[in-house]
Amino acid sequence: EIDVSWGALPYTLIVTIPITLTYSLIMNAWKPIIRPILWGLYLGVVATVIPYRLFAIGVSRIKASTASVMATLEPVLAALWGYLFFAQVPTIMTLTSYVLIIIASILTSSESS
């Protein structure tokens, strides 16, 4: 049986790792990092694999339409966390786009139920 929950993750890594390494070598961005392997493991596991797997597990427990509506709210929640934890203030245009995303999510979820 093929585990499709990994989706595009392997292909994403195949593309992003060479680009990131090339950029860091050209810009000498790797020198300030004391233990780059630890940062790489952290970014690879904590910021990529764990969230993706949790999302895949969640999708297997709910309807695909519900999961897709919830996925559209990710940028809105990311902006909320940025505001709460890092004092990043969104622009009016950004706030407008978030309101539109929320309205579309509500309309879509009410149509599917």
Protein backbone atom coordinates (compact mmCIF):
# COMPACT_ATOMS: atom_id res chain seq x y z
CA GLU A 1 0.00 0.00 0.00
CA ILE A 2 1.31 3.44 -0.93
CA ASP A 3 1.29 6.14 1.75
CA VAL A 4 0.07 9.21 -0.13
CA SER A 5 0.02 11.38 2.98
CA TRP A 6 3.60 12.44 2.28
CA GLY A 7 2.31 14.18 -0.85
CA ALA A 8 4.67 16.72 -2.35
CA LEU A 9 7.04 16.91 0.62
CA PRO A 10 9.87 14.84 -0.93
CA TYR A 11 9.68 16.84 -4.15
CA THR A 12 9.66 20.10 -2.22
CA LEU A 13 12.82 19.09 -0.40
CA ILE A 14 14.50 18.00 -3.64
CA VAL A 15 13.97 21.50 -5.04
CA THR A 16 14.52 23.65 -1.95
CA ILE A 17 17.63 22.02 -0.48
CA PRO A 18 19.94 22.69 -3.48
CA ILE A 19 18.58 26.23 -3.89
CA THR A 20 19.01 27.01 -0.20
CA LEU A 21 22.51 25.55 -0.03
CA THR A 22 23.59 27.42 -3.16
CA TYR A 23 22.24 30.70 -1.81
CA SER A 24 23.89 30.23 1.57
CA LEU A 25 27.26 29.44 -0.02
CA ILE A 26 27.11 32.43 -2.38
CA MET A 27 25.98 34.87 0.31
CA ASN A 28 28.17 33.37 3.07
CA ALA A 29 25.00 33.05 5.12
CA TRP A 30 26.09 29.76 6.69
CA LYS A 31 29.06 31.19 8.64
CA PRO A 32 27.14 32.84 11.52
CA ILE A 33 25.44 29.55 12.36
CA ILE A 34 27.52 27.74 14.95
CA ARG A 35 25.99 24.31 14.42
CA PRO A 36 24.32 24.30 11.00
CA ILE A 37 23.41 20.63 11.18
CA LEU A 38 21.30 21.29 14.27
CA TRP A 39 19.49 24.17 12.58
CA GLY A 40 18.93 22.03 9.51
CA LEU A 41 17.51 19.21 11.58
CA TYR A 42 15.31 21.61 13.51
CA LEU A 43 13.94 23.25 10.36
CA GLY A 44 13.53 19.92 8.62
CA VAL A 45 11.76 18.14 11.46
CA VAL A 46 10.00 20.79 13.54
CA ALA A 47 9.07 23.27 10.84
CA THR A 48 8.39 20.90 7.96
CA VAL A 49 7.83 17.22 8.72
CA ILE A 50 5.84 17.44 11.96
CA PRO A 51 3.30 20.05 10.77
CA TYR A 52 2.84 18.30 7.43
CA ARG A 53 2.31 14.90 9.07
CA LEU A 54 -0.13 16.37 11.60
CA PHE A 55 -2.09 17.97 8.76
CA ALA A 56 -2.11 14.68 6.84
CA ILE A 57 -3.36 12.82 9.93
CA GLY A 58 -6.05 15.46 10.45
CA VAL A 59 -7.17 15.25 6.82
CA SER A 60 -7.61 11.50 7.17
CA ARG A 61 -10.04 12.09 10.05
CA ILE A 62 -12.23 14.78 8.47
CA LYS A 63 -13.75 15.41 5.05
CA ALA A 64 -11.42 16.75 2.36
CA SER A 65 -13.66 19.77 1.79
CA THR A 66 -13.43 20.72 5.46
CA ALA A 67 -9.65 20.29 5.42
CA SER A 68 -9.26 22.49 2.35
CA VAL A 69 -11.35 25.25 3.92
CA MET A 70 -9.27 25.05 7.08
CA ALA A 71 -6.05 25.16 5.06
CA THR A 72 -7.08 28.50 3.54
CA LEU A 73 -7.07 29.97 7.04
CA GLU A 74 -3.35 29.22 7.56
CA PRO A 75 -2.09 32.62 6.29
CA VAL A 76 -4.61 34.40 8.50
CA LEU A 77 -3.48 32.46 11.56
CA ALA A 78 0.18 33.00 10.66
CA ALA A 79 -0.43 36.74 10.59
CA LEU A 80 -2.24 36.55 13.91
CA TRP A 81 0.70 34.73 15.52
CA GLY A 82 3.08 37.27 13.96
CA TYR A 83 1.08 40.09 15.50
CA LEU A 84 0.76 38.47 18.91
CA PHE A 85 4.32 37.18 19.30
CA PHE A 86 6.44 39.50 17.15
CA ALA A 87 4.39 42.73 17.02
CA GLN A 88 4.16 42.56 13.21
CA VAL A 89 1.41 44.96 12.23
CA PRO A 90 -0.35 44.03 8.95
CA THR A 91 -1.23 46.69 6.39
CA ILE A 92 -4.79 47.63 5.45
CA MET A 93 -4.48 45.65 2.21
CA THR A 94 -3.34 42.58 4.14
CA LEU A 95 -6.18 42.91 6.64
CA THR A 96 -8.64 43.26 3.76
CA SER A 97 -7.34 40.08 2.16
CA TYR A 98 -7.64 38.23 5.47
CA VAL A 99 -11.24 39.38 5.88
CA LEU A 100 -12.00 38.12 2.36
CA ILE A 101 -10.37 34.76 3.14
CA ILE A 102 -12.42 34.41 6.32
CA ILE A 103 -15.66 35.34 4.52
CA ALA A 104 -14.92 32.86 1.72
CA SER A 105 -14.14 30.15 4.27
CA ILE A 106 -17.42 30.76 6.09
CA LEU A 107 -19.42 30.76 2.86
CA THR A 108 -17.73 27.61 1.61
CA SER A 109 -18.19 25.74 4.86
CA SER A 110 -21.85 26.75 5.11
CA GLU A 111 -22.50 25.55 1.54
CA SER A 112 -20.92 22.16 2.19
CA SER A 113 -22.91 21.48 5.37
